[in-house]
């Protein structure tokens, strides 16, 4: 992999105390106050992404402070999911993909040549749009699968199992069914099982790509409750097309738009500001449902 000029990377983080929201035109950079800069978390600087010759993301510079929830919003095709995958180096799995810019996790540049990619992916977990439990594994085996694959020694597997399922809001529902297949659960339960599996390796960041898009309202509410509880312990970044969900679960929001150009951040700020007093009319139009 090449560095800086043509690498695979992606990242975005709206921060609570942004002094200036990102605006369209020129560099899409967010200025943070000194307090935020000193906080641990995730940060991107000047991120660009390509698939072959197609420029899909342009100059994204944002911060995701530790122990916050950031919502990535915007129409389909504006680069939100690409950006999300760049935050744990999944972008580079695509043969035609490349990137430029930097992504920092607690001050460490995750695309640096000497970085252990597997270790980064343990620290930055991922939950996908469609639940993907391992069908040949039991519920318990699904939760602990990551620790086994990563050769992480666990002294008390039972305690870790209960802890992760509890944090994912699933323990009470499955504690008497741990030896059943993960595929035996409902869609909403399977998604929470995948969250528990991601938590078992003790990530500091959890990325979620439209985790509730295929779920009923009751299951969606449980996932949102889980996100609220997780934010006390880890940083959460969630892509969602549901504006009500973004308003409910996130501390910050970043609005992406392509509009005939590579995807870029039009505005990023505290969620209440993005939804009630955005600086850009396109942001107001989108969150109020006038397009997208």
C-alpha atoms as a PDB file:
ATOM      1  CA  UNK A   1       0.000   0.000   0.000  1.00  0.00           C
ATOM      2  CA  UNK A   2       1.207   3.457  -0.840  1.00  0.00           C
ATOM      3  CA  UNK A   3       1.144   6.230   1.692  1.00  0.00           C
ATOM      4  CA  UNK A   4      -0.550   9.630   1.644  1.00  0.00           C
ATOM      5  CA  UNK A   5      -0.994  10.236  -2.074  1.00  0.00           C
ATOM      6  CA  UNK A   6      -2.834   7.037  -2.955  1.00  0.00           C
ATOM      7  CA  UNK A   7      -3.928   5.019   0.053  1.00  0.00           C
ATOM      8  CA  UNK A   8      -7.145   3.380   1.271  1.00  0.00           C
ATOM      9  CA  UNK A   9      -8.575   5.390   4.122  1.00  0.00           C
ATOM     10  CA  UNK A  10     -11.737   7.112   5.183  1.00  0.00           C
ATOM     11  CA  UNK A  11     -13.060   8.833   8.221  1.00  0.00           C
ATOM     12  CA  UNK A  12     -15.360  11.512   9.567  1.00  0.00           C
ATOM     13  CA  UNK A  13     -16.308  12.852  12.944  1.00  0.00           C
ATOM     14  CA  UNK A  14     -18.611  15.652  13.916  1.00  0.00           C
ATOM     15  CA  UNK A  15     -17.571  17.073  17.247  1.00  0.00           C
ATOM     16  CA  UNK A  16     -19.656  18.558  20.010  1.00  0.00           C
ATOM     17  CA  UNK A  17     -17.644  21.724  20.453  1.00  0.00           C
ATOM     18  CA  UNK A  18     -16.932  22.691  16.878  1.00  0.00           C
ATOM     19  CA  UNK A  19     -16.027  26.318  16.682  1.00  0.00           C
ATOM     20  CA  UNK A  20     -16.879  26.448  12.985  1.00  0.00           C
ATOM     21  CA  UNK A  21     -19.107  23.989  11.121  1.00  0.00           C
ATOM     22  CA  UNK A  22     -17.870  22.636   7.807  1.00  0.00           C
ATOM     23  CA  UNK A  23     -19.265  24.511   4.839  1.00  0.00           C
ATOM     24  CA  UNK A  24     -19.399  23.789   1.143  1.00  0.00           C
ATOM     25  CA  UNK A  25     -16.714  24.997  -1.212  1.00  0.00           C
ATOM     26  CA  UNK A  26     -12.956  24.709  -0.808  1.00  0.00           C
ATOM     27  CA  UNK A  27     -11.587  22.541   1.991  1.00  0.00           C
ATOM     28  CA  UNK A  28     -14.226  20.705   3.999  1.00  0.00           C
ATOM     29  CA  UNK A  29     -12.444  21.120   7.325  1.00  0.00           C
ATOM     30  CA  UNK A  30     -13.885  21.527  10.806  1.00  0.00           C
ATOM     31  CA  UNK A  31     -12.144  23.803  13.300  1.00  0.00           C
ATOM     32  CA  UNK A  32     -12.173  22.448  16.838  1.00  0.00           C
ATOM     33  CA  UNK A  33     -11.623  24.235  20.094  1.00  0.00           C
ATOM     34  CA  UNK A  34      -8.591  23.394  22.220  1.00  0.00           C
ATOM     35  CA  UNK A  35     -10.574  21.259  24.641  1.00  0.00           C
ATOM     36  CA  UNK A  36     -11.728  18.921  21.894  1.00  0.00           C
ATOM     37  CA  UNK A  37      -8.319  18.592  20.305  1.00  0.00           C
ATOM     38  CA  UNK A  38      -6.919  17.238  23.558  1.00  0.00           C
ATOM     39  CA  UNK A  39      -9.636  14.582  23.783  1.00  0.00           C
ATOM     40  CA  UNK A  40      -8.895  11.050  22.654  1.00  0.00           C
ATOM     41  CA  UNK A  41     -10.942   9.627  19.861  1.00  0.00           C
ATOM     42  CA  UNK A  42     -10.963   9.412  16.096  1.00  0.00           C
ATOM     43  CA  UNK A  43      -9.870  12.121  13.670  1.00  0.00           C
ATOM     44  CA  UNK A  44      -9.564  12.460   9.897  1.00  0.00           C
ATOM     45  CA  UNK A  45      -7.547  15.014   7.954  1.00  0.00           C
ATOM     46  CA  UNK A  46      -7.962  15.731   4.266  1.00  0.00           C
ATOM     47  CA  UNK A  47      -9.533  12.388   3.371  1.00  0.00           C
ATOM     48  CA  UNK A  48     -10.144  11.556  -0.288  1.00  0.00           C
ATOM     49  CA  UNK A  49     -11.360   8.224  -1.682  1.00  0.00           C
ATOM     50  CA  UNK A  50     -11.448   6.741  -5.166  1.00  0.00           C
ATOM     51  CA  UNK A  51     -12.743   3.617  -6.839  1.00  0.00           C
ATOM     52  CA  UNK A  52     -10.541   3.377  -9.888  1.00  0.00           C
ATOM     53  CA  UNK A  53     -10.724   6.829 -11.479  1.00  0.00           C
ATOM     54  CA  UNK A  54     -14.004   7.687  -9.763  1.00  0.00           C
ATOM     55  CA  UNK A  55     -13.441  10.275  -7.025  1.00  0.00           C
ATOM     56  CA  UNK A  56     -16.083   9.464  -4.381  1.00  0.00           C
ATOM     57  CA  UNK A  57     -14.957  11.492  -1.345  1.00  0.00           C
ATOM     58  CA  UNK A  58     -13.279  14.877  -1.243  1.00  0.00           C
ATOM     59  CA  UNK A  59     -11.246  16.517   1.532  1.00  0.00           C
ATOM     60  CA  UNK A  60     -13.066  15.298   4.647  1.00  0.00           C
ATOM     61  CA  UNK A  61     -11.509  16.576   7.884  1.00  0.00           C
ATOM     62  CA  UNK A  62     -13.525  15.865  11.017  1.00  0.00           C
ATOM     63  CA  UNK A  63     -13.202  14.702  14.607  1.00  0.00           C
ATOM     64  CA  UNK A  64     -15.125  12.071  16.567  1.00  0.00           C
ATOM     65  CA  UNK A  65     -14.466  12.758  20.253  1.00  0.00           C
ATOM     66  CA  UNK A  66     -14.221   9.827  22.627  1.00  0.00           C
ATOM     67  CA  UNK A  67     -17.451   8.537  24.192  1.00  0.00           C
ATOM     68  CA  UNK A  68     -19.799  10.326  21.825  1.00  0.00           C
ATOM     69  CA  UNK A  69     -22.226   9.237  19.093  1.00  0.00           C
ATOM     70  CA  UNK A  70     -21.841  10.805  15.673  1.00  0.00           C
ATOM     71  CA  UNK A  71     -24.470  10.444  12.968  1.00  0.00           C
ATOM     72  CA  UNK A  72     -23.438  10.513   9.323  1.00  0.00           C
ATOM     73  CA  UNK A  73     -26.401  11.681   7.268  1.00  0.00           C
ATOM     74  CA  UNK A  74     -27.027  12.516   3.622  1.00  0.00           C
ATOM     75  CA  UNK A  75     -28.566  11.078   0.443  1.00  0.00           C
ATOM     76  CA  UNK A  76     -27.567   7.687  -0.926  1.00  0.00           C
ATOM     77  CA  UNK A  77     -24.376   7.703  -2.952  1.00  0.00           C
ATOM     78  CA  UNK A  78     -22.642  10.615  -1.224  1.00  0.00           C
ATOM     79  CA  UNK A  79     -19.839   8.536   0.342  1.00  0.00           C
ATOM     80  CA  UNK A  80     -21.047   7.957   3.918  1.00  0.00           C
ATOM     81  CA  UNK A  81     -20.498   4.188   3.942  1.00  0.00           C
ATOM     82  CA  UNK A  82     -17.214   4.530   2.068  1.00  0.00           C
ATOM     83  CA  UNK A  83     -16.092   6.997   4.675  1.00  0.00           C
ATOM     84  CA  UNK A  84     -17.145   4.639   7.468  1.00  0.00           C
ATOM     85  CA  UNK A  85     -15.146   1.751   5.976  1.00  0.00           C
ATOM     86  CA  UNK A  86     -12.073   3.936   5.794  1.00  0.00           C
ATOM     87  CA  UNK A  87     -12.147   4.393   9.560  1.00  0.00           C
ATOM     88  CA  UNK A  88     -11.051   0.789  10.155  1.00  0.00           C
ATOM     89  CA  UNK A  89      -9.233   0.162   6.860  1.00  0.00           C
ATOM     90  CA  UNK A  90     -11.952  -1.932   5.273  1.00  0.00           C
ATOM     91  CA  UNK A  91     -11.883   0.357   2.225  1.00  0.00           C
ATOM     92  CA  UNK A  92      -8.662  -1.309   1.107  1.00  0.00           C
ATOM     93  CA  UNK A  93     -10.374  -4.693   0.709  1.00  0.00           C
ATOM     94  CA  UNK A  94     -11.791  -3.410  -2.596  1.00  0.00           C
ATOM     95  CA  UNK A  95      -9.156  -3.960  -5.333  1.00  0.00           C
ATOM     96  CA  UNK A  96      -9.872  -0.696  -7.193  1.00  0.00           C
ATOM     97  CA  UNK A  97     -10.041   1.461  -4.064  1.00  0.00           C
ATOM     98  CA  UNK A  98      -7.463   4.053  -3.075  1.00  0.00           C
ATOM     99  CA  UNK A  99      -7.251   7.034  -0.766  1.00  0.00           C
ATOM    100  CA  UNK A 100      -5.347  10.099   0.343  1.00  0.00           C
ATOM    101  CA  UNK A 101      -5.253  11.809   3.727  1.00  0.00           C
ATOM    102  CA  UNK A 102      -4.848  10.679   7.312  1.00  0.00           C
ATOM    103  CA  UNK A 103      -6.940   8.895   9.947  1.00  0.00           C
ATOM    104  CA  UNK A 104      -5.866   9.093  13.590  1.00  0.00           C
ATOM    105  CA  UNK A 105      -7.032   6.842  16.413  1.00  0.00           C
ATOM    106  CA  UNK A 106      -6.023   8.234  19.802  1.00  0.00           C
ATOM    107  CA  UNK A 107      -3.243  10.131  18.059  1.00  0.00           C
ATOM    108  CA  UNK A 108      -1.953   7.167  16.039  1.00  0.00           C
ATOM    109  CA  UNK A 109      -2.102   7.354  12.239  1.00  0.00           C
ATOM    110  CA  UNK A 110      -3.801   4.077  11.305  1.00  0.00           C
ATOM    111  CA  UNK A 111      -2.481   4.095   7.730  1.00  0.00           C
ATOM    112  CA  UNK A 112       1.147   4.490   8.770  1.00  0.00           C
ATOM    113  CA  UNK A 113       3.419   1.843   7.181  1.00  0.00           C
ATOM    114  CA  UNK A 114       4.289   0.093  10.440  1.00  0.00           C
ATOM    115  CA  UNK A 115       0.731  -0.153  11.800  1.00  0.00           C
ATOM    116  CA  UNK A 116      -0.717  -3.594  12.617  1.00  0.00           C
ATOM    117  CA  UNK A 117      -3.895  -3.566  10.515  1.00  0.00           C
ATOM    118  CA  UNK A 118      -5.449  -6.493  12.385  1.00  0.00           C
ATOM    119  CA  UNK A 119      -4.947  -4.660  15.680  1.00  0.00           C
ATOM    120  CA  UNK A 120      -6.630  -1.541  14.273  1.00  0.00           C
ATOM    121  CA  UNK A 121      -9.668  -3.556  13.216  1.00  0.00           C
ATOM    122  CA  UNK A 122      -9.929  -4.975  16.732  1.00  0.00           C
ATOM    123  CA  UNK A 123      -9.943  -1.451  18.170  1.00  0.00           C
ATOM    124  CA  UNK A 124     -12.431  -0.149  15.594  1.00  0.00           C
ATOM    125  CA  UNK A 125     -15.320  -2.611  15.365  1.00  0.00           C
ATOM    126  CA  UNK A 126     -17.982  -2.736  12.658  1.00  0.00           C
ATOM    127  CA  UNK A 127     -21.685  -3.618  12.587  1.00  0.00           C
ATOM    128  CA  UNK A 128     -23.213  -3.926   9.138  1.00  0.00           C
ATOM    129  CA  UNK A 129     -26.614  -3.099   7.682  1.00  0.00           C
ATOM    130  CA  UNK A 130     -27.665  -6.742   7.481  1.00  0.00           C
ATOM    131  CA  UNK A 131     -27.156  -8.907  10.597  1.00  0.00           C
ATOM    132  CA  UNK A 132     -24.485 -11.516   9.887  1.00  0.00           C
ATOM    133  CA  UNK A 133     -24.252 -14.041  12.732  1.00  0.00           C
ATOM    134  CA  UNK A 134     -22.292 -17.182  11.918  1.00  0.00           C
ATOM    135  CA  UNK A 135     -25.097 -19.710  11.262  1.00  0.00           C
ATOM    136  CA  UNK A 136     -23.024 -22.754  12.186  1.00  0.00           C
ATOM    137  CA  UNK A 137     -22.175 -21.319  15.608  1.00  0.00           C
ATOM    138  CA  UNK A 138     -24.237 -21.137  18.764  1.00  0.00           C
ATOM    139  CA  UNK A 139     -25.209 -17.808  20.301  1.00  0.00           C
ATOM    140  CA  UNK A 140     -22.346 -18.123  22.778  1.00  0.00           C
ATOM    141  CA  UNK A 141     -19.837 -19.103  20.097  1.00  0.00           C
ATOM    142  CA  UNK A 142     -20.897 -16.140  17.961  1.00  0.00           C
ATOM    143  CA  UNK A 143     -20.158 -13.687  20.753  1.00  0.00           C
ATOM    144  CA  UNK A 144     -16.721 -15.153  21.433  1.00  0.00           C
ATOM    145  CA  UNK A 145     -15.778 -15.763  17.787  1.00  0.00           C
ATOM    146  CA  UNK A 146     -13.669 -12.605  17.503  1.00  0.00           C
ATOM    147  CA  UNK A 147     -11.582 -13.431  20.544  1.00  0.00           C
ATOM    148  CA  UNK A 148     -10.873 -16.872  19.107  1.00  0.00           C
ATOM    149  CA  UNK A 149      -9.932 -15.579  15.649  1.00  0.00           C
ATOM    150  CA  UNK A 150      -7.664 -12.920  17.179  1.00  0.00           C
ATOM    151  CA  UNK A 151      -6.089 -15.393  19.627  1.00  0.00           C
ATOM    152  CA  UNK A 152      -7.141 -13.245  22.572  1.00  0.00           C
ATOM    153  CA  UNK A 153      -6.862 -15.164  25.825  1.00  0.00           C
ATOM    154  CA  UNK A 154     -10.009 -14.914  27.935  1.00  0.00           C
ATOM    155  CA  UNK A 155      -9.756 -16.015  31.557  1.00  0.00           C
ATOM    156  CA  UNK A 156     -13.486 -16.077  32.248  1.00  0.00           C
ATOM    157  CA  UNK A 157     -15.475 -16.690  29.077  1.00  0.00           C
ATOM    158  CA  UNK A 158     -18.790 -16.905  30.915  1.00  0.00           C
ATOM    159  CA  UNK A 159     -18.347 -13.463  32.452  1.00  0.00           C
ATOM    160  CA  UNK A 160     -17.286 -11.938  29.126  1.00  0.00           C
ATOM    161  CA  UNK A 161     -20.258 -13.562  27.403  1.00  0.00           C
ATOM    162  CA  UNK A 162     -22.722 -12.147  29.926  1.00  0.00           C
ATOM    163  CA  UNK A 163     -21.062  -8.724  29.897  1.00  0.00           C
ATOM    164  CA  UNK A 164     -21.200  -8.361  26.096  1.00  0.00           C
ATOM    165  CA  UNK A 165     -24.746  -9.659  25.759  1.00  0.00           C
ATOM    166  CA  UNK A 166     -25.854  -7.370  28.569  1.00  0.00           C
ATOM    167  CA  UNK A 167     -24.214  -4.340  26.966  1.00  0.00           C
ATOM    168  CA  UNK A 168     -25.908  -5.272  23.688  1.00  0.00           C
ATOM    169  CA  UNK A 169     -29.278  -5.474  25.456  1.00  0.00           C
ATOM    170  CA  UNK A 170     -29.714  -9.185  24.713  1.00  0.00           C
ATOM    171  CA  UNK A 171     -28.707 -11.125  27.829  1.00  0.00           C
ATOM    172  CA  UNK A 172     -32.141 -11.466  29.407  1.00  0.00           C
ATOM    173  CA  UNK A 173     -33.616 -12.696  26.134  1.00  0.00           C
ATOM    174  CA  UNK A 174     -31.031 -15.390  25.384  1.00  0.00           C
ATOM    175  CA  UNK A 175     -29.399 -16.401  28.671  1.00  0.00           C
ATOM    176  CA  UNK A 176     -31.282 -19.726  28.632  1.00  0.00           C
ATOM    177  CA  UNK A 177     -30.651 -20.333  24.920  1.00  0.00           C
ATOM    178  CA  UNK A 178     -26.912 -19.836  24.600  1.00  0.00           C
ATOM    179  CA  UNK A 179     -26.375 -23.242  22.962  1.00  0.00           C
ATOM    180  CA  UNK A 180     -28.889 -22.590  20.181  1.00  0.00           C
ATOM    181  CA  UNK A 181     -27.779 -21.378  16.756  1.00  0.00           C
ATOM    182  CA  UNK A 182     -27.361 -17.628  16.317  1.00  0.00           C
ATOM    183  CA  UNK A 183     -29.552 -17.983  13.230  1.00  0.00           C
ATOM    184  CA  UNK A 184     -32.472 -19.003  15.473  1.00  0.00           C
ATOM    185  CA  UNK A 185     -32.853 -15.426  16.713  1.00  0.00           C
ATOM    186  CA  UNK A 186     -35.095 -12.740  15.212  1.00  0.00           C
ATOM    187  CA  UNK A 187     -33.579 -10.083  12.950  1.00  0.00           C
ATOM    188  CA  UNK A 188     -33.364  -7.520  15.726  1.00  0.00           C
ATOM    189  CA  UNK A 189     -31.843 -10.042  18.117  1.00  0.00           C
ATOM    190  CA  UNK A 190     -29.317 -11.099  15.475  1.00  0.00           C
ATOM    191  CA  UNK A 191     -28.230  -7.491  15.056  1.00  0.00           C
ATOM    192  CA  UNK A 192     -27.734  -7.123  18.808  1.00  0.00           C
ATOM    193  CA  UNK A 193     -25.835 -10.437  18.757  1.00  0.00           C
ATOM    194  CA  UNK A 194     -23.504  -8.923  16.154  1.00  0.00           C
ATOM    195  CA  UNK A 195     -23.030  -5.897  18.413  1.00  0.00           C
ATOM    196  CA  UNK A 196     -22.167  -8.219  21.313  1.00  0.00           C
ATOM    197  CA  UNK A 197     -19.677 -10.037  19.070  1.00  0.00           C
ATOM    198  CA  UNK A 198     -18.026  -6.740  18.143  1.00  0.00           C
ATOM    199  CA  UNK A 199     -17.807  -5.727  21.813  1.00  0.00           C
ATOM    200  CA  UNK A 200     -16.105  -8.952  22.917  1.00  0.00           C
ATOM    201  CA  UNK A 201     -12.722  -7.833  21.580  1.00  0.00           C
ATOM    202  CA  UNK A 202     -12.958  -4.576  23.585  1.00  0.00           C
ATOM    203  CA  UNK A 203     -12.994  -1.948  20.807  1.00  0.00           C
ATOM    204  CA  UNK A 204     -12.676   1.746  21.560  1.00  0.00           C
ATOM    205  CA  UNK A 205     -14.757   2.694  18.499  1.00  0.00           C
ATOM    206  CA  UNK A 206     -17.830   1.003  17.020  1.00  0.00           C
ATOM    207  CA  UNK A 207     -18.870   1.789  13.443  1.00  0.00           C
ATOM    208  CA  UNK A 208     -22.490   1.080  12.481  1.00  0.00           C
ATOM    209  CA  UNK A 209     -23.677   1.135   8.860  1.00  0.00           C
ATOM    210  CA  UNK A 210     -27.468   1.608   8.894  1.00  0.00           C
ATOM    211  CA  UNK A 211     -27.867  -1.030  11.634  1.00  0.00           C
ATOM    212  CA  UNK A 212     -31.651  -0.599  11.885  1.00  0.00           C
ATOM    213  CA  UNK A 213     -32.640  -0.271   8.229  1.00  0.00           C
ATOM    214  CA  UNK A 214     -34.112  -3.792   8.060  1.00  0.00           C
ATOM    215  CA  UNK A 215     -35.631  -3.855  11.546  1.00  0.00           C
ATOM    216  CA  UNK A 216     -39.114  -3.249  12.928  1.00  0.00           C
ATOM    217  CA  UNK A 217     -39.732  -0.208  15.185  1.00  0.00           C
ATOM    218  CA  UNK A 218     -39.497  -2.261  18.399  1.00  0.00           C
ATOM    219  CA  UNK A 219     -36.130  -3.762  17.453  1.00  0.00           C
ATOM    220  CA  UNK A 220     -34.929  -0.356  16.284  1.00  0.00           C
ATOM    221  CA  UNK A 221     -35.746   1.141  19.686  1.00  0.00           C
ATOM    222  CA  UNK A 222     -33.735  -1.581  21.440  1.00  0.00           C
ATOM    223  CA  UNK A 223     -30.740  -0.955  19.178  1.00  0.00           C
ATOM    224  CA  UNK A 224     -30.980   2.778  19.891  1.00  0.00           C
ATOM    225  CA  UNK A 225     -31.104   2.096  23.635  1.00  0.00           C
ATOM    226  CA  UNK A 226     -27.982  -0.023  23.203  1.00  0.00           C
ATOM    227  CA  UNK A 227     -26.220   2.797  21.345  1.00  0.00           C
ATOM    228  CA  UNK A 228     -27.014   5.231  24.175  1.00  0.00           C
ATOM    229  CA  UNK A 229     -25.553   2.848  26.762  1.00  0.00           C
ATOM    230  CA  UNK A 230     -22.465   2.059  24.682  1.00  0.00           C
ATOM    231  CA  UNK A 231     -21.561   5.726  24.289  1.00  0.00           C
ATOM    232  CA  UNK A 232     -20.677   5.856  27.981  1.00  0.00           C
ATOM    233  CA  UNK A 233     -17.811   3.470  27.231  1.00  0.00           C
ATOM    234  CA  UNK A 234     -16.848   3.770  23.561  1.00  0.00           C
ATOM    235  CA  UNK A 235     -17.102   6.092  20.559  1.00  0.00           C
ATOM    236  CA  UNK A 236     -19.930   5.284  18.138  1.00  0.00           C
ATOM    237  CA  UNK A 237     -20.203   6.417  14.514  1.00  0.00           C
ATOM    238  CA  UNK A 238     -23.463   5.542  12.772  1.00  0.00           C
ATOM    239  CA  UNK A 239     -24.626   5.963   9.184  1.00  0.00           C
ATOM    240  CA  UNK A 240     -28.383   6.448   9.050  1.00  0.00           C
ATOM    241  CA  UNK A 241     -31.000   7.652   6.561  1.00  0.00           C
ATOM    242  CA  UNK A 242     -33.542   8.002   9.361  1.00  0.00           C
ATOM    243  CA  UNK A 243     -33.515  11.640  10.448  1.00  0.00           C
ATOM    244  CA  UNK A 244     -35.567  10.911  13.555  1.00  0.00           C
ATOM    245  CA  UNK A 245     -33.041   8.275  14.555  1.00  0.00           C
ATOM    246  CA  UNK A 246     -30.115  10.635  13.966  1.00  0.00           C
ATOM    247  CA  UNK A 247     -31.807  13.238  16.155  1.00  0.00           C
ATOM    248  CA  UNK A 248     -32.503  10.680  18.904  1.00  0.00           C
ATOM    249  CA  UNK A 249     -29.184   8.874  19.201  1.00  0.00           C
ATOM    250  CA  UNK A 250     -26.388  11.210  18.112  1.00  0.00           C
ATOM    251  CA  UNK A 251     -24.478  13.951  19.896  1.00  0.00           C
ATOM    252  CA  UNK A 252     -23.087  15.281  16.619  1.00  0.00           C
ATOM    253  CA  UNK A 253     -24.058  15.048  12.966  1.00  0.00           C
ATOM    254  CA  UNK A 254     -22.153  15.432   9.718  1.00  0.00           C
ATOM    255  CA  UNK A 255     -24.182  16.090   6.576  1.00  0.00           C
ATOM    256  CA  UNK A 256     -22.650  14.605   3.408  1.00  0.00           C
ATOM    257  CA  UNK A 257     -23.658  15.604  -0.104  1.00  0.00           C
ATOM    258  CA  UNK A 258     -22.296  14.847  -3.567  1.00  0.00           C
ATOM    259  CA  UNK A 259     -24.530  17.118  -5.694  1.00  0.00           C
ATOM    260  CA  UNK A 260     -22.677  16.326  -8.929  1.00  0.00           C
ATOM    261  CA  UNK A 261     -19.292  16.402  -7.182  1.00  0.00           C
ATOM    262  CA  UNK A 262     -17.337  13.941  -5.022  1.00  0.00           C
ATOM    263  CA  UNK A 263     -19.002  13.424  -1.658  1.00  0.00           C
ATOM    264  CA  UNK A 264     -18.052  16.022   0.913  1.00  0.00           C
ATOM    265  CA  UNK A 265     -19.171  17.356   4.270  1.00  0.00           C
ATOM    266  CA  UNK A 266     -21.495  20.323   3.863  1.00  0.00           C
ATOM    267  CA  UNK A 267     -21.984  20.902   7.571  1.00  0.00           C
ATOM    268  CA  UNK A 268     -20.964  19.235  10.838  1.00  0.00           C
ATOM    269  CA  UNK A 269     -21.925  20.330  14.324  1.00  0.00           C
ATOM    270  CA  UNK A 270     -23.871  19.348  17.409  1.00  0.00           C
ATOM    271  CA  UNK A 271     -26.981  17.456  16.416  1.00  0.00           C
ATOM    272  CA  UNK A 272     -29.331  20.010  17.942  1.00  0.00           C
ATOM    273  CA  UNK A 273     -27.715  22.767  15.861  1.00  0.00           C
ATOM    274  CA  UNK A 274     -27.763  20.738  12.629  1.00  0.00           C
ATOM    275  CA  UNK A 275     -31.467  20.027  13.087  1.00  0.00           C
ATOM    276  CA  UNK A 276     -32.691  23.378  14.422  1.00  0.00           C
ATOM    277  CA  UNK A 277     -30.347  26.087  13.137  1.00  0.00           C
ATOM    278  CA  UNK A 278     -28.083  24.772  10.358  1.00  0.00           C
ATOM    279  CA  UNK A 279     -25.761  27.206   8.618  1.00  0.00           C
ATOM    280  CA  UNK A 280     -26.354  25.871   5.090  1.00  0.00           C
ATOM    281  CA  UNK A 281     -29.761  25.878   3.404  1.00  0.00           C
ATOM    282  CA  UNK A 282     -29.060  22.459   1.855  1.00  0.00           C
ATOM    283  CA  UNK A 283     -28.662  21.007   5.341  1.00  0.00           C
ATOM    284  CA  UNK A 284     -31.986  22.516   6.395  1.00  0.00           C
ATOM    285  CA  UNK A 285     -33.689  21.166   3.272  1.00  0.00           C
ATOM    286  CA  UNK A 286     -32.345  17.663   3.874  1.00  0.00           C
ATOM    287  CA  UNK A 287     -33.142  17.312   7.575  1.00  0.00           C
ATOM    288  CA  UNK A 288     -36.616  18.726   6.945  1.00  0.00           C
ATOM    289  CA  UNK A 289     -37.255  16.127   4.228  1.00  0.00           C
ATOM    290  CA  UNK A 290     -37.346  18.443   1.222  1.00  0.00           C
ATOM    291  CA  UNK A 291     -34.918  16.224  -0.727  1.00  0.00           C
ATOM    292  CA  UNK A 292     -33.001  12.958  -0.379  1.00  0.00           C
END
